[in-house]
């Protein structure tokens, strides 16, 4: 049986920087999943919610701007204009910001239910 490897210092700092920035913009129900052992696409997935289209846009745009200030540039971004869902791809970290009903529809937490949870701030 493989022992779970701890997150490296720089990777952990980047993950928790993103978490703090999401919290600063009042993103809701933040979940951070460790995909290192179960995905070849990314190491970490961060999922967060917004209560309106505008909130999803504001959270996503703020995260992009603040990450650039810290020297982190996305490999790609999707969905920013629509406000229903945004994907920010930082390579080893992928961030999804969803409008609540869209998040329930795609259920990424369910898709990746076998992934170890690094952090979860879910509503009961």
C-alpha atoms as a PDB file:
ATOM      1  CA  UNK A   1       0.000   0.000   0.000  1.00  0.00           C
ATOM      2  CA  UNK A   2       1.389   3.425  -0.980  1.00  0.00           C
ATOM      3  CA  UNK A   3       1.870   6.036   1.685  1.00  0.00           C
ATOM      4  CA  UNK A   4       0.291   9.357   0.869  1.00  0.00           C
ATOM      5  CA  UNK A   5       3.016  11.863   0.057  1.00  0.00           C
ATOM      6  CA  UNK A   6       2.734  15.198   1.848  1.00  0.00           C
ATOM      7  CA  UNK A   7       2.280  18.271  -0.306  1.00  0.00           C
ATOM      8  CA  UNK A   8       5.546  20.043  -1.049  1.00  0.00           C
ATOM      9  CA  UNK A   9       6.037  23.428   0.650  1.00  0.00           C
ATOM     10  CA  UNK A  10       5.746  25.634  -2.464  1.00  0.00           C
ATOM     11  CA  UNK A  11       2.747  23.678  -3.776  1.00  0.00           C
ATOM     12  CA  UNK A  12       1.022  23.863  -0.385  1.00  0.00           C
ATOM     13  CA  UNK A  13       1.660  27.618  -0.176  1.00  0.00           C
ATOM     14  CA  UNK A  14       0.158  28.159  -3.640  1.00  0.00           C
ATOM     15  CA  UNK A  15      -2.917  26.066  -2.794  1.00  0.00           C
ATOM     16  CA  UNK A  16      -3.557  27.969   0.414  1.00  0.00           C
ATOM     17  CA  UNK A  17      -2.877  31.321  -1.272  1.00  0.00           C
ATOM     18  CA  UNK A  18      -5.690  30.478  -3.696  1.00  0.00           C
ATOM     19  CA  UNK A  19      -7.912  29.436  -0.776  1.00  0.00           C
ATOM     20  CA  UNK A  20      -7.249  32.719   1.041  1.00  0.00           C
ATOM     21  CA  UNK A  21      -7.970  34.761  -2.095  1.00  0.00           C
ATOM     22  CA  UNK A  22     -11.228  32.881  -2.653  1.00  0.00           C
ATOM     23  CA  UNK A  23     -12.220  33.520   0.957  1.00  0.00           C
ATOM     24  CA  UNK A  24     -11.335  37.198   0.628  1.00  0.00           C
ATOM     25  CA  UNK A  25     -13.907  37.518  -2.182  1.00  0.00           C
ATOM     26  CA  UNK A  26     -16.459  35.529  -0.166  1.00  0.00           C
ATOM     27  CA  UNK A  27     -16.434  32.406  -2.349  1.00  0.00           C
ATOM     28  CA  UNK A  28     -18.648  29.745  -0.808  1.00  0.00           C
ATOM     29  CA  UNK A  29     -18.208  26.069   0.058  1.00  0.00           C
ATOM     30  CA  UNK A  30     -14.530  25.801  -0.870  1.00  0.00           C
ATOM     31  CA  UNK A  31     -13.301  22.241  -1.354  1.00  0.00           C
ATOM     32  CA  UNK A  32      -9.696  21.282  -2.127  1.00  0.00           C
ATOM     33  CA  UNK A  33      -9.058  17.783  -3.469  1.00  0.00           C
ATOM     34  CA  UNK A  34      -5.743  15.944  -3.769  1.00  0.00           C
ATOM     35  CA  UNK A  35      -5.744  14.230  -7.166  1.00  0.00           C
ATOM     36  CA  UNK A  36      -2.053  13.301  -7.292  1.00  0.00           C
ATOM     37  CA  UNK A  37      -2.694   9.563  -7.009  1.00  0.00           C
ATOM     38  CA  UNK A  38      -5.811   9.382  -9.206  1.00  0.00           C
ATOM     39  CA  UNK A  39      -5.394  11.863 -12.079  1.00  0.00           C
ATOM     40  CA  UNK A  40      -2.747  12.534 -14.684  1.00  0.00           C
ATOM     41  CA  UNK A  41      -4.328  15.886 -15.580  1.00  0.00           C
ATOM     42  CA  UNK A  42      -3.678  17.864 -12.391  1.00  0.00           C
ATOM     43  CA  UNK A  43      -2.466  17.387  -8.826  1.00  0.00           C
ATOM     44  CA  UNK A  44      -5.011  19.518  -7.015  1.00  0.00           C
ATOM     45  CA  UNK A  45      -8.564  20.619  -7.759  1.00  0.00           C
ATOM     46  CA  UNK A  46     -10.108  23.554  -5.947  1.00  0.00           C
ATOM     47  CA  UNK A  47     -13.875  23.973  -6.211  1.00  0.00           C
ATOM     48  CA  UNK A  48     -15.701  27.050  -4.967  1.00  0.00           C
ATOM     49  CA  UNK A  49     -19.158  28.521  -5.317  1.00  0.00           C
ATOM     50  CA  UNK A  50     -20.731  31.879  -5.956  1.00  0.00           C
ATOM     51  CA  UNK A  51     -24.272  32.999  -5.175  1.00  0.00           C
ATOM     52  CA  UNK A  52     -24.833  34.820  -8.486  1.00  0.00           C
ATOM     53  CA  UNK A  53     -23.387  35.109 -11.995  1.00  0.00           C
ATOM     54  CA  UNK A  54     -21.763  38.392 -11.034  1.00  0.00           C
ATOM     55  CA  UNK A  55     -20.252  36.884  -7.877  1.00  0.00           C
ATOM     56  CA  UNK A  56     -18.726  34.006  -9.888  1.00  0.00           C
ATOM     57  CA  UNK A  57     -17.221  36.526 -12.324  1.00  0.00           C
ATOM     58  CA  UNK A  58     -15.927  38.786  -9.549  1.00  0.00           C
ATOM     59  CA  UNK A  59     -14.327  35.902  -7.644  1.00  0.00           C
ATOM     60  CA  UNK A  60     -12.687  34.522 -10.808  1.00  0.00           C
ATOM     61  CA  UNK A  61     -11.381  37.875 -12.043  1.00  0.00           C
ATOM     62  CA  UNK A  62     -10.071  38.779  -8.588  1.00  0.00           C
ATOM     63  CA  UNK A  63      -8.269  35.437  -8.315  1.00  0.00           C
ATOM     64  CA  UNK A  64      -6.653  35.929 -11.738  1.00  0.00           C
ATOM     65  CA  UNK A  65      -5.461  39.457 -10.877  1.00  0.00           C
ATOM     66  CA  UNK A  66      -4.139  38.573  -7.443  1.00  0.00           C
ATOM     67  CA  UNK A  67      -2.360  35.422  -8.606  1.00  0.00           C
ATOM     68  CA  UNK A  68      -0.590  37.479 -11.289  1.00  0.00           C
ATOM     69  CA  UNK A  69       0.600  39.868  -8.557  1.00  0.00           C
ATOM     70  CA  UNK A  70       2.197  36.823  -6.898  1.00  0.00           C
ATOM     71  CA  UNK A  71       3.811  35.740 -10.187  1.00  0.00           C
ATOM     72  CA  UNK A  72       1.374  32.935 -11.047  1.00  0.00           C
ATOM     73  CA  UNK A  73      -0.139  33.016 -14.530  1.00  0.00           C
ATOM     74  CA  UNK A  74      -2.803  30.584 -15.709  1.00  0.00           C
ATOM     75  CA  UNK A  75      -2.160  28.166 -18.552  1.00  0.00           C
ATOM     76  CA  UNK A  76      -5.759  28.744 -19.582  1.00  0.00           C
ATOM     77  CA  UNK A  77      -9.117  30.148 -18.513  1.00  0.00           C
ATOM     78  CA  UNK A  78     -12.633  29.202 -19.559  1.00  0.00           C
ATOM     79  CA  UNK A  79     -16.112  30.526 -18.871  1.00  0.00           C
ATOM     80  CA  UNK A  80     -15.223  33.916 -17.393  1.00  0.00           C
ATOM     81  CA  UNK A  81     -17.700  35.932 -19.469  1.00  0.00           C
ATOM     82  CA  UNK A  82     -20.767  33.812 -18.748  1.00  0.00           C
ATOM     83  CA  UNK A  83     -20.559  33.926 -14.969  1.00  0.00           C
ATOM     84  CA  UNK A  84     -22.093  30.485 -14.500  1.00  0.00           C
ATOM     85  CA  UNK A  85     -18.782  28.655 -14.224  1.00  0.00           C
ATOM     86  CA  UNK A  86     -15.128  29.544 -14.559  1.00  0.00           C
ATOM     87  CA  UNK A  87     -12.097  27.304 -14.845  1.00  0.00           C
ATOM     88  CA  UNK A  88      -8.634  28.661 -14.081  1.00  0.00           C
ATOM     89  CA  UNK A  89      -5.862  26.224 -14.988  1.00  0.00           C
ATOM     90  CA  UNK A  90      -2.618  26.724 -13.093  1.00  0.00           C
ATOM     91  CA  UNK A  91      -1.171  23.396 -14.282  1.00  0.00           C
ATOM     92  CA  UNK A  92      -0.758  21.433 -11.081  1.00  0.00           C
ATOM     93  CA  UNK A  93      -3.776  23.272  -9.622  1.00  0.00           C
ATOM     94  CA  UNK A  94      -7.120  23.644 -11.390  1.00  0.00           C
ATOM     95  CA  UNK A  95      -9.687  26.028  -9.899  1.00  0.00           C
ATOM     96  CA  UNK A  96     -13.409  25.815 -10.648  1.00  0.00           C
ATOM     97  CA  UNK A  97     -15.757  28.593  -9.532  1.00  0.00           C
ATOM     98  CA  UNK A  98     -19.400  27.642 -10.017  1.00  0.00           C
ATOM     99  CA  UNK A  99     -22.781  29.263  -9.688  1.00  0.00           C
ATOM    100  CA  UNK A 100     -24.567  27.063  -7.121  1.00  0.00           C
ATOM    101  CA  UNK A 101     -27.022  25.268  -9.435  1.00  0.00           C
ATOM    102  CA  UNK A 102     -24.302  24.617 -12.036  1.00  0.00           C
ATOM    103  CA  UNK A 103     -22.048  23.194  -9.335  1.00  0.00           C
ATOM    104  CA  UNK A 104     -24.781  20.788  -8.260  1.00  0.00           C
ATOM    105  CA  UNK A 105     -25.326  19.760 -11.889  1.00  0.00           C
ATOM    106  CA  UNK A 106     -21.667  18.887 -12.573  1.00  0.00           C
ATOM    107  CA  UNK A 107     -21.039  17.479  -9.071  1.00  0.00           C
ATOM    108  CA  UNK A 108     -17.247  17.414  -9.323  1.00  0.00           C
ATOM    109  CA  UNK A 109     -17.013  16.414  -5.665  1.00  0.00           C
ATOM    110  CA  UNK A 110     -19.032  13.316  -6.576  1.00  0.00           C
ATOM    111  CA  UNK A 111     -16.962  12.601  -9.679  1.00  0.00           C
ATOM    112  CA  UNK A 112     -13.781  12.779  -7.583  1.00  0.00           C
ATOM    113  CA  UNK A 113     -15.277  11.261  -4.412  1.00  0.00           C
ATOM    114  CA  UNK A 114     -12.267   8.940  -4.007  1.00  0.00           C
ATOM    115  CA  UNK A 115      -9.860  11.882  -3.807  1.00  0.00           C
ATOM    116  CA  UNK A 116      -8.426  12.779  -0.419  1.00  0.00           C
ATOM    117  CA  UNK A 117      -9.831  16.075   0.838  1.00  0.00           C
ATOM    118  CA  UNK A 118      -7.178  18.679   1.710  1.00  0.00           C
ATOM    119  CA  UNK A 119      -9.747  21.236   2.876  1.00  0.00           C
ATOM    120  CA  UNK A 120     -13.538  21.459   2.905  1.00  0.00           C
ATOM    121  CA  UNK A 121     -15.704  24.371   3.961  1.00  0.00           C
ATOM    122  CA  UNK A 122     -19.062  22.926   2.974  1.00  0.00           C
ATOM    123  CA  UNK A 123     -22.481  23.952   4.184  1.00  0.00           C
ATOM    124  CA  UNK A 124     -24.114  21.232   6.281  1.00  0.00           C
END
